[in-house]
Amino acid sequence: MASEAEKTFQRFAVLGDSSSSGAEINNQNFSKLCQDCGITDGKTVTSADVDTVFNKVKAKEAGTITFQQFTEAMKELSQKRFKGKSPDQGLQDIYHLMEGKNPATTSATRAGAVDQHMDTSEYIGSHQEHLDHSGKGKDIAGW
């Protein structure tokens, strides 16, 4: 199961950094991994907890953590997420949440911002009077 977690770790580690080897993950991608995999639930484990644990396990001057440090961080988060379970059992539950997960990406669309200007049925007042029934302008005759 740890190898599946390591694959997920590597997928998130290279997110947004094409030069990354996947051996180390930064805080931003670590937070994204925790959010996308459902480790943060907003109640028992928050994004502040994730940041705190990341800074606790990383080396003093480093900006990234290795998979071994990641495992330590997950053990600590598992104690908050799955109270009453042993650290090893909590870690296995965290790894189960991570199974087969990929970074969620969204693509921006601009259509929504332009649509409101192009829908002539939404025009009101004198602006509506300058258009024919199909929504085309009446040129100078409409003014």
N, C-alpha and C. Protein backbone atom coordinates (compact mmCIF):
# COMPACT_ATOMS: atom_id res chain seq x y z
N MET A 1 0.83 -1.19 0.00
CA MET A 1 0.00 0.00 0.00
C MET A 1 0.88 1.25 0.00
N ALA A 2 2.04 1.20 0.64
CA ALA A 2 2.92 2.37 0.70
C ALA A 2 3.39 2.76 -0.70
N SER A 3 3.56 1.78 -1.59
CA SER A 3 4.03 2.11 -2.93
C SER A 3 2.96 2.89 -3.70
N GLU A 4 1.69 2.58 -3.47
CA GLU A 4 0.60 3.34 -4.09
C GLU A 4 0.58 4.77 -3.55
N ALA A 5 0.81 4.90 -2.25
CA ALA A 5 0.89 6.23 -1.64
C ALA A 5 2.08 7.00 -2.19
N GLU A 6 3.17 6.31 -2.42
CA GLU A 6 4.36 6.96 -2.97
C GLU A 6 4.12 7.44 -4.40
N LYS A 7 3.36 6.67 -5.17
CA LYS A 7 3.01 7.10 -6.53
C LYS A 7 2.15 8.36 -6.49
N THR A 8 1.18 8.40 -5.58
CA THR A 8 0.34 9.58 -5.42
C THR A 8 1.19 10.77 -4.99
N PHE A 9 2.10 10.53 -4.05
CA PHE A 9 3.03 11.57 -3.59
C PHE A 9 3.80 12.14 -4.79
N GLN A 10 4.31 11.28 -5.65
CA GLN A 10 5.09 11.73 -6.81
C GLN A 10 4.23 12.51 -7.80
N ARG A 11 2.98 12.07 -8.01
CA ARG A 11 2.10 12.80 -8.93
C ARG A 11 1.84 14.22 -8.45
N PHE A 12 1.66 14.38 -7.15
CA PHE A 12 1.43 15.72 -6.60
C PHE A 12 2.73 16.52 -6.52
N ALA A 13 3.86 15.84 -6.31
CA ALA A 13 5.15 16.52 -6.17
C ALA A 13 5.56 17.23 -7.46
N VAL A 14 5.23 16.66 -8.61
CA VAL A 14 5.63 17.27 -9.89
C VAL A 14 4.59 18.27 -10.41
N LEU A 15 3.48 18.41 -9.71
CA LEU A 15 2.42 19.32 -10.14
C LEU A 15 2.93 20.76 -10.19
N GLY A 16 2.84 21.37 -11.36
CA GLY A 16 3.23 22.76 -11.53
C GLY A 16 4.72 23.00 -11.61
N ASP A 17 5.53 21.95 -11.56
CA ASP A 17 6.99 22.10 -11.64
C ASP A 17 7.54 21.00 -12.54
N SER A 18 7.71 21.34 -13.80
CA SER A 18 8.15 20.35 -14.78
C SER A 18 9.58 19.86 -14.52
N SER A 19 10.38 20.64 -13.78
CA SER A 19 11.76 20.23 -13.52
C SER A 19 11.87 19.33 -12.28
N SER A 20 10.76 19.12 -11.55
CA SER A 20 10.78 18.31 -10.34
C SER A 20 10.90 16.83 -10.68
N SER A 21 11.67 16.12 -9.85
CA SER A 21 11.84 14.68 -10.06
C SER A 21 10.75 13.88 -9.36
N GLY A 22 9.99 14.52 -8.49
CA GLY A 22 8.94 13.82 -7.76
C GLY A 22 9.42 13.24 -6.45
N ALA A 23 10.68 13.51 -6.09
CA ALA A 23 11.25 12.98 -4.85
C ALA A 23 10.90 13.85 -3.65
N GLU A 24 10.59 15.14 -3.90
CA GLU A 24 10.27 16.06 -2.81
C GLU A 24 9.03 16.86 -3.18
N ILE A 25 8.25 17.23 -2.17
CA ILE A 25 7.02 17.97 -2.40
C ILE A 25 7.07 19.27 -1.61
N ASN A 26 6.55 20.35 -2.21
CA ASN A 26 6.53 21.63 -1.51
C ASN A 26 5.23 21.77 -0.71
N ASN A 27 5.15 22.83 0.08
CA ASN A 27 3.99 23.02 0.97
C ASN A 27 2.69 23.19 0.19
N GLN A 28 2.75 23.92 -0.91
CA GLN A 28 1.53 24.15 -1.70
C GLN A 28 0.97 22.83 -2.24
N ASN A 29 1.84 22.01 -2.81
CA ASN A 29 1.39 20.73 -3.37
C ASN A 29 1.00 19.75 -2.27
N PHE A 30 1.67 19.84 -1.11
CA PHE A 30 1.31 19.01 0.04
C PHE A 30 -0.11 19.34 0.50
N SER A 31 -0.41 20.64 0.58
CA SER A 31 -1.75 21.06 0.97
C SER A 31 -2.79 20.60 -0.04
N LYS A 32 -2.44 20.69 -1.33
CA LYS A 32 -3.36 20.25 -2.39
C LYS A 32 -3.60 18.75 -2.29
N LEU A 33 -2.55 17.99 -2.02
CA LEU A 33 -2.69 16.54 -1.87
C LEU A 33 -3.65 16.23 -0.72
N CYS A 34 -3.46 16.91 0.40
CA CYS A 34 -4.33 16.66 1.56
C CYS A 34 -5.78 17.03 1.26
N GLN A 35 -5.96 18.10 0.52
CA GLN A 35 -7.32 18.52 0.19
C GLN A 35 -7.96 17.59 -0.83
N ASP A 36 -7.25 17.28 -1.92
CA ASP A 36 -7.82 16.44 -2.98
C ASP A 36 -8.06 15.01 -2.54
N CYS A 37 -7.27 14.52 -1.60
CA CYS A 37 -7.43 13.13 -1.14
C CYS A 37 -8.41 13.01 0.03
N GLY A 38 -8.93 14.12 0.52
CA GLY A 38 -9.91 14.06 1.59
C GLY A 38 -9.30 13.91 2.98
N ILE A 39 -8.01 14.21 3.11
CA ILE A 39 -7.37 14.13 4.42
C ILE A 39 -7.83 15.33 5.27
N THR A 40 -7.90 16.50 4.64
CA THR A 40 -8.46 17.65 5.35
C THR A 40 -9.97 17.58 5.22
N ASP A 41 -10.64 17.72 6.36
CA ASP A 41 -12.10 17.67 6.34
C ASP A 41 -12.72 18.96 6.83
N GLY A 42 -11.89 19.93 7.21
CA GLY A 42 -12.40 21.22 7.65
C GLY A 42 -12.82 21.25 9.11
N LYS A 43 -12.87 20.10 9.76
CA LYS A 43 -13.28 20.05 11.16
C LYS A 43 -12.14 19.53 12.03
N THR A 44 -11.79 18.26 11.86
CA THR A 44 -10.72 17.70 12.68
C THR A 44 -9.35 18.02 12.11
N VAL A 45 -9.23 18.08 10.80
CA VAL A 45 -7.97 18.45 10.15
C VAL A 45 -8.26 19.62 9.20
N THR A 46 -7.65 20.76 9.50
CA THR A 46 -7.85 21.96 8.70
C THR A 46 -6.59 22.27 7.91
N SER A 47 -6.67 23.25 7.02
CA SER A 47 -5.50 23.62 6.22
C SER A 47 -4.41 24.19 7.12
N ALA A 48 -4.78 24.82 8.23
CA ALA A 48 -3.78 25.32 9.18
C ALA A 48 -3.03 24.16 9.82
N ASP A 49 -3.73 23.08 10.13
CA ASP A 49 -3.08 21.89 10.68
C ASP A 49 -2.08 21.32 9.68
N VAL A 50 -2.48 21.28 8.42
CA VAL A 50 -1.62 20.75 7.37
C VAL A 50 -0.34 21.58 7.26
N ASP A 51 -0.48 22.90 7.27
CA ASP A 51 0.69 23.79 7.19
C ASP A 51 1.59 23.62 8.40
N THR A 52 1.00 23.50 9.57
CA THR A 52 1.77 23.33 10.80
C THR A 52 2.57 22.04 10.77
N VAL A 53 1.93 20.95 10.37
CA VAL A 53 2.61 19.66 10.32
C VAL A 53 3.72 19.68 9.28
N PHE A 54 3.47 20.31 8.12
CA PHE A 54 4.49 20.39 7.08
C PHE A 54 5.73 21.10 7.62
N ASN A 55 5.53 22.23 8.28
CA ASN A 55 6.66 22.99 8.81
C ASN A 55 7.36 22.27 9.95
N LYS A 56 6.64 21.42 10.64
CA LYS A 56 7.22 20.66 11.74
C LYS A 56 8.16 19.56 11.24
N VAL A 57 7.79 18.90 10.14
CA VAL A 57 8.60 17.76 9.66
C VAL A 57 9.70 18.15 8.69
N LYS A 58 9.62 19.31 8.08
CA LYS A 58 10.64 19.69 7.10
C LYS A 58 11.91 20.14 7.81
N ALA A 59 13.03 20.08 7.09
CA ALA A 59 14.29 20.58 7.63
C ALA A 59 14.19 22.09 7.79
N LYS A 60 14.99 22.65 8.67
CA LYS A 60 14.86 24.05 9.05
C LYS A 60 14.89 25.02 7.87
N GLU A 61 15.84 24.86 6.97
CA GLU A 61 15.99 25.79 5.85
C GLU A 61 15.35 25.28 4.55
N ALA A 62 14.80 24.07 4.57
CA ALA A 62 14.26 23.48 3.35
C ALA A 62 12.85 24.00 3.07
N GLY A 63 12.47 23.96 1.81
CA GLY A 63 11.11 24.34 1.42
C GLY A 63 10.30 23.14 0.99
N THR A 64 10.92 21.97 1.01
CA THR A 64 10.25 20.75 0.56
C THR A 64 10.49 19.63 1.57
N ILE A 65 9.70 18.56 1.43
CA ILE A 65 9.89 17.37 2.27
C ILE A 65 10.02 16.14 1.37
N THR A 66 10.73 15.14 1.87
CA THR A 66 10.90 13.88 1.16
C THR A 66 9.72 12.96 1.51
N PHE A 67 9.69 11.78 0.87
CA PHE A 67 8.61 10.83 1.16
C PHE A 67 8.69 10.33 2.59
N GLN A 68 9.89 10.18 3.13
CA GLN A 68 10.04 9.73 4.51
C GLN A 68 9.46 10.77 5.48
N GLN A 69 9.76 12.05 5.23
CA GLN A 69 9.19 13.11 6.06
C GLN A 69 7.67 13.20 5.84
N PHE A 70 7.25 12.94 4.63
CA PHE A 70 5.82 12.92 4.30
C PHE A 70 5.11 11.85 5.13
N THR A 71 5.73 10.69 5.27
CA THR A 71 5.16 9.61 6.07
C THR A 71 5.00 10.04 7.53
N GLU A 72 6.02 10.74 8.06
CA GLU A 72 5.92 11.25 9.43
C GLU A 72 4.76 12.24 9.55
N ALA A 73 4.62 13.12 8.56
CA ALA A 73 3.54 14.10 8.56
C ALA A 73 2.18 13.41 8.51
N MET A 74 2.07 12.38 7.69
CA MET A 74 0.80 11.66 7.57
C MET A 74 0.45 10.93 8.86
N LYS A 75 1.47 10.41 9.57
CA LYS A 75 1.20 9.77 10.86
C LYS A 75 0.62 10.78 11.84
N GLU A 76 1.20 11.97 11.82
CA GLU A 76 0.72 13.01 12.74
C GLU A 76 -0.69 13.47 12.38
N LEU A 77 -0.95 13.65 11.08
CA LEU A 77 -2.29 14.05 10.65
C LEU A 77 -3.31 12.93 10.90
N SER A 78 -2.87 11.69 10.77
CA SER A 78 -3.80 10.57 10.98
C SER A 78 -4.27 10.51 12.43
N GLN A 79 -3.43 10.97 13.37
CA GLN A 79 -3.83 10.99 14.78
C GLN A 79 -4.95 12.00 15.01
N LYS A 80 -4.94 13.09 14.23
CA LYS A 80 -6.01 14.08 14.34
C LYS A 80 -7.25 13.63 13.58
N ARG A 81 -7.04 13.03 12.41
CA ARG A 81 -8.15 12.65 11.53
C ARG A 81 -8.89 11.43 12.05
N PHE A 82 -8.13 10.43 12.51
CA PHE A 82 -8.72 9.17 12.98
C PHE A 82 -8.37 8.98 14.45
N LYS A 83 -9.04 9.71 15.32
CA LYS A 83 -8.75 9.65 16.75
C LYS A 83 -9.07 8.26 17.29
N GLY A 84 -8.23 7.80 18.21
CA GLY A 84 -8.46 6.51 18.85
C GLY A 84 -7.82 5.35 18.12
N LYS A 85 -7.22 5.59 16.96
CA LYS A 85 -6.54 4.51 16.23
C LYS A 85 -5.04 4.63 16.46
N SER A 86 -4.36 3.49 16.33
CA SER A 86 -2.91 3.51 16.47
C SER A 86 -2.30 4.30 15.31
N PRO A 87 -1.09 4.86 15.49
CA PRO A 87 -0.46 5.63 14.40
C PRO A 87 -0.32 4.83 13.11
N ASP A 88 0.01 3.54 13.24
CA ASP A 88 0.17 2.71 12.04
C ASP A 88 -1.16 2.45 11.35
N GLN A 89 -2.22 2.20 12.13
CA GLN A 89 -3.54 1.98 11.54
C GLN A 89 -4.06 3.27 10.91
N GLY A 90 -3.83 4.40 11.58
CA GLY A 90 -4.22 5.70 11.02
C GLY A 90 -3.49 5.99 9.72
N LEU A 91 -2.21 5.63 9.68
CA LEU A 91 -1.42 5.83 8.46
C LEU A 91 -1.97 4.98 7.32
N GLN A 92 -2.36 3.76 7.61
CA GLN A 92 -2.95 2.89 6.58
C GLN A 92 -4.27 3.47 6.07
N ASP A 93 -5.05 4.06 6.97
CA ASP A 93 -6.31 4.68 6.56
C ASP A 93 -6.05 5.90 5.67
N ILE A 94 -5.02 6.67 5.99
CA ILE A 94 -4.64 7.82 5.16
C ILE A 94 -4.20 7.33 3.79
N TYR A 95 -3.38 6.29 3.76
CA TYR A 95 -2.92 5.73 2.48
C TYR A 95 -4.11 5.22 1.66
N HIS A 96 -5.11 4.69 2.33
CA HIS A 96 -6.31 4.21 1.63
C HIS A 96 -7.03 5.39 0.97
N LEU A 97 -7.08 6.54 1.67
CA LEU A 97 -7.70 7.74 1.08
C LEU A 97 -6.93 8.22 -0.15
N MET A 98 -5.62 7.99 -0.15
CA MET A 98 -4.75 8.49 -1.23
C MET A 98 -4.74 7.59 -2.46
N GLU A 99 -5.23 6.37 -2.34
CA GLU A 99 -5.14 5.39 -3.42
C GLU A 99 -5.67 5.91 -4.74
N GLY A 100 -4.83 5.90 -5.77
CA GLY A 100 -5.25 6.23 -7.13
C GLY A 100 -5.64 7.67 -7.38
N LYS A 101 -5.34 8.57 -6.46
CA LYS A 101 -5.74 9.97 -6.63
C LYS A 101 -4.75 10.71 -7.51
N ASN A 102 -5.29 11.62 -8.30
CA ASN A 102 -4.50 12.50 -9.15
C ASN A 102 -4.84 13.93 -8.78
N PRO A 103 -3.91 14.85 -9.03
CA PRO A 103 -4.23 16.26 -8.75
C PRO A 103 -5.42 16.72 -9.59
N ALA A 104 -6.38 17.33 -8.94
CA ALA A 104 -7.55 17.86 -9.65
C ALA A 104 -7.16 19.19 -10.28
N THR A 105 -7.43 19.32 -11.55
CA THR A 105 -7.13 20.58 -12.24
C THR A 105 -8.42 21.13 -12.81
N THR A 106 -8.50 22.42 -12.88
CA THR A 106 -9.67 23.07 -13.45
C THR A 106 -9.22 23.93 -14.61
N SER A 107 -10.08 24.06 -15.59
CA SER A 107 -9.75 24.93 -16.71
C SER A 107 -10.69 26.12 -16.68
N ALA A 108 -10.14 27.26 -16.86
CA ALA A 108 -10.94 28.49 -16.80
C ALA A 108 -11.66 28.71 -18.13
N THR A 109 -12.87 29.19 -18.04
CA THR A 109 -13.61 29.56 -19.25
C THR A 109 -14.00 31.01 -19.14
N ARG A 110 -13.99 31.68 -20.25
CA ARG A 110 -14.33 33.09 -20.25
C ARG A 110 -15.72 33.33 -20.82
N ALA A 111 -16.38 32.32 -21.27
CA ALA A 111 -17.67 32.49 -21.93
C ALA A 111 -18.70 33.16 -21.03
N GLY A 112 -18.72 32.84 -19.77
CA GLY A 112 -19.71 33.38 -18.86
C GLY A 112 -19.65 34.89 -18.76
N ALA A 113 -18.46 35.45 -18.80
CA ALA A 113 -18.32 36.89 -18.67
C ALA A 113 -18.82 37.62 -19.91
N VAL A 114 -18.73 37.00 -21.06
CA VAL A 114 -19.13 37.64 -22.31
C VAL A 114 -20.60 37.38 -22.61
N ASP A 115 -21.13 36.26 -22.18
CA ASP A 115 -22.51 35.89 -22.49
C ASP A 115 -23.52 36.94 -22.06
N GLN A 116 -23.31 37.53 -20.90
CA GLN A 116 -24.29 38.50 -20.42
C GLN A 116 -24.39 39.72 -21.33
N HIS A 117 -23.33 40.04 -22.06
CA HIS A 117 -23.36 41.18 -22.98
C HIS A 117 -23.94 40.81 -24.34
N MET A 118 -23.90 39.54 -24.67
CA MET A 118 -24.35 39.10 -25.99
C MET A 118 -25.81 38.69 -26.03
N ASP A 119 -26.43 38.48 -24.89
CA ASP A 119 -27.83 38.04 -24.84
C ASP A 119 -28.74 39.27 -24.90
N THR A 120 -29.26 39.57 -26.09
CA THR A 120 -30.05 40.78 -26.30
C THR A 120 -31.40 40.72 -25.61
N SER A 121 -31.87 39.53 -25.24
CA SER A 121 -33.16 39.44 -24.55
C SER A 121 -33.07 40.03 -23.14
N GLU A 122 -31.86 40.20 -22.63
CA GLU A 122 -31.66 40.76 -21.30
C GLU A 122 -31.55 42.28 -21.32
N TYR A 123 -31.49 42.89 -22.49
CA TYR A 123 -31.37 44.34 -22.57
C TYR A 123 -32.65 44.99 -22.09
N ILE A 124 -32.52 46.14 -21.45
CA ILE A 124 -33.70 46.84 -20.94
C ILE A 124 -33.71 48.29 -21.45
N GLY A 125 -34.84 48.92 -21.35
CA GLY A 125 -34.98 50.34 -21.64
C GLY A 125 -34.68 50.69 -23.08
N SER A 126 -34.04 51.84 -23.25
CA SER A 126 -33.79 52.38 -24.59
C SER A 126 -32.83 51.51 -25.39
N HIS A 127 -32.00 50.72 -24.73
CA HIS A 127 -31.07 49.85 -25.46
C HIS A 127 -31.83 48.81 -26.27
N GLN A 128 -32.96 48.39 -25.75
CA GLN A 128 -33.76 47.38 -26.41
C GLN A 128 -34.41 47.94 -27.69
N GLU A 129 -34.69 49.21 -27.67
CA GLU A 129 -35.36 49.84 -28.82
C GLU A 129 -34.46 49.94 -30.04
N HIS A 130 -33.17 49.85 -29.87
CA HIS A 130 -32.22 49.99 -30.98
C HIS A 130 -31.95 48.67 -31.70
N LEU A 131 -32.67 47.60 -31.31
CA LEU A 131 -32.44 46.28 -31.90
C LEU A 131 -33.71 45.79 -32.58
N ASP A 132 -33.54 45.04 -33.68
CA ASP A 132 -34.70 44.43 -34.31
C ASP A 132 -35.03 43.13 -33.58
N HIS A 133 -36.03 42.38 -34.06
CA HIS A 133 -36.50 41.18 -33.38
C HIS A 133 -35.43 40.08 -33.29
N SER A 134 -34.42 40.08 -34.18
CA SER A 134 -33.38 39.05 -34.15
C SER A 134 -32.19 39.44 -33.27
N GLY A 135 -32.21 40.68 -32.74
CA GLY A 135 -31.12 41.12 -31.89
C GLY A 135 -30.05 41.90 -32.62
N LYS A 136 -30.25 42.12 -33.91
CA LYS A 136 -29.30 42.93 -34.69
C LYS A 136 -29.63 44.40 -34.55
N GLY A 137 -28.61 45.22 -34.68
CA GLY A 137 -28.84 46.66 -34.60
C GLY A 137 -29.62 47.18 -35.79
N LYS A 138 -30.40 48.26 -35.57
CA LYS A 138 -31.21 48.86 -36.62
C LYS A 138 -30.45 49.96 -37.39
N ASP A 139 -29.17 50.08 -37.14
CA ASP A 139 -28.34 51.11 -37.76
C ASP A 139 -28.85 52.49 -37.38
N ILE A 140 -28.74 53.43 -38.26
CA ILE A 140 -29.11 54.81 -37.97
C ILE A 140 -30.62 54.98 -37.87
N ALA A 141 -31.37 54.09 -38.54
CA ALA A 141 -32.83 54.21 -38.54
C ALA A 141 -33.39 53.92 -37.14
N GLY A 142 -32.71 53.09 -36.38
CA GLY A 142 -33.19 52.76 -35.06
C GLY A 142 -32.90 53.82 -34.03
N TRP A 143 -32.04 54.74 -34.37
CA TRP A 143 -31.67 55.78 -33.40
C TRP A 143 -32.57 56.95 -33.63
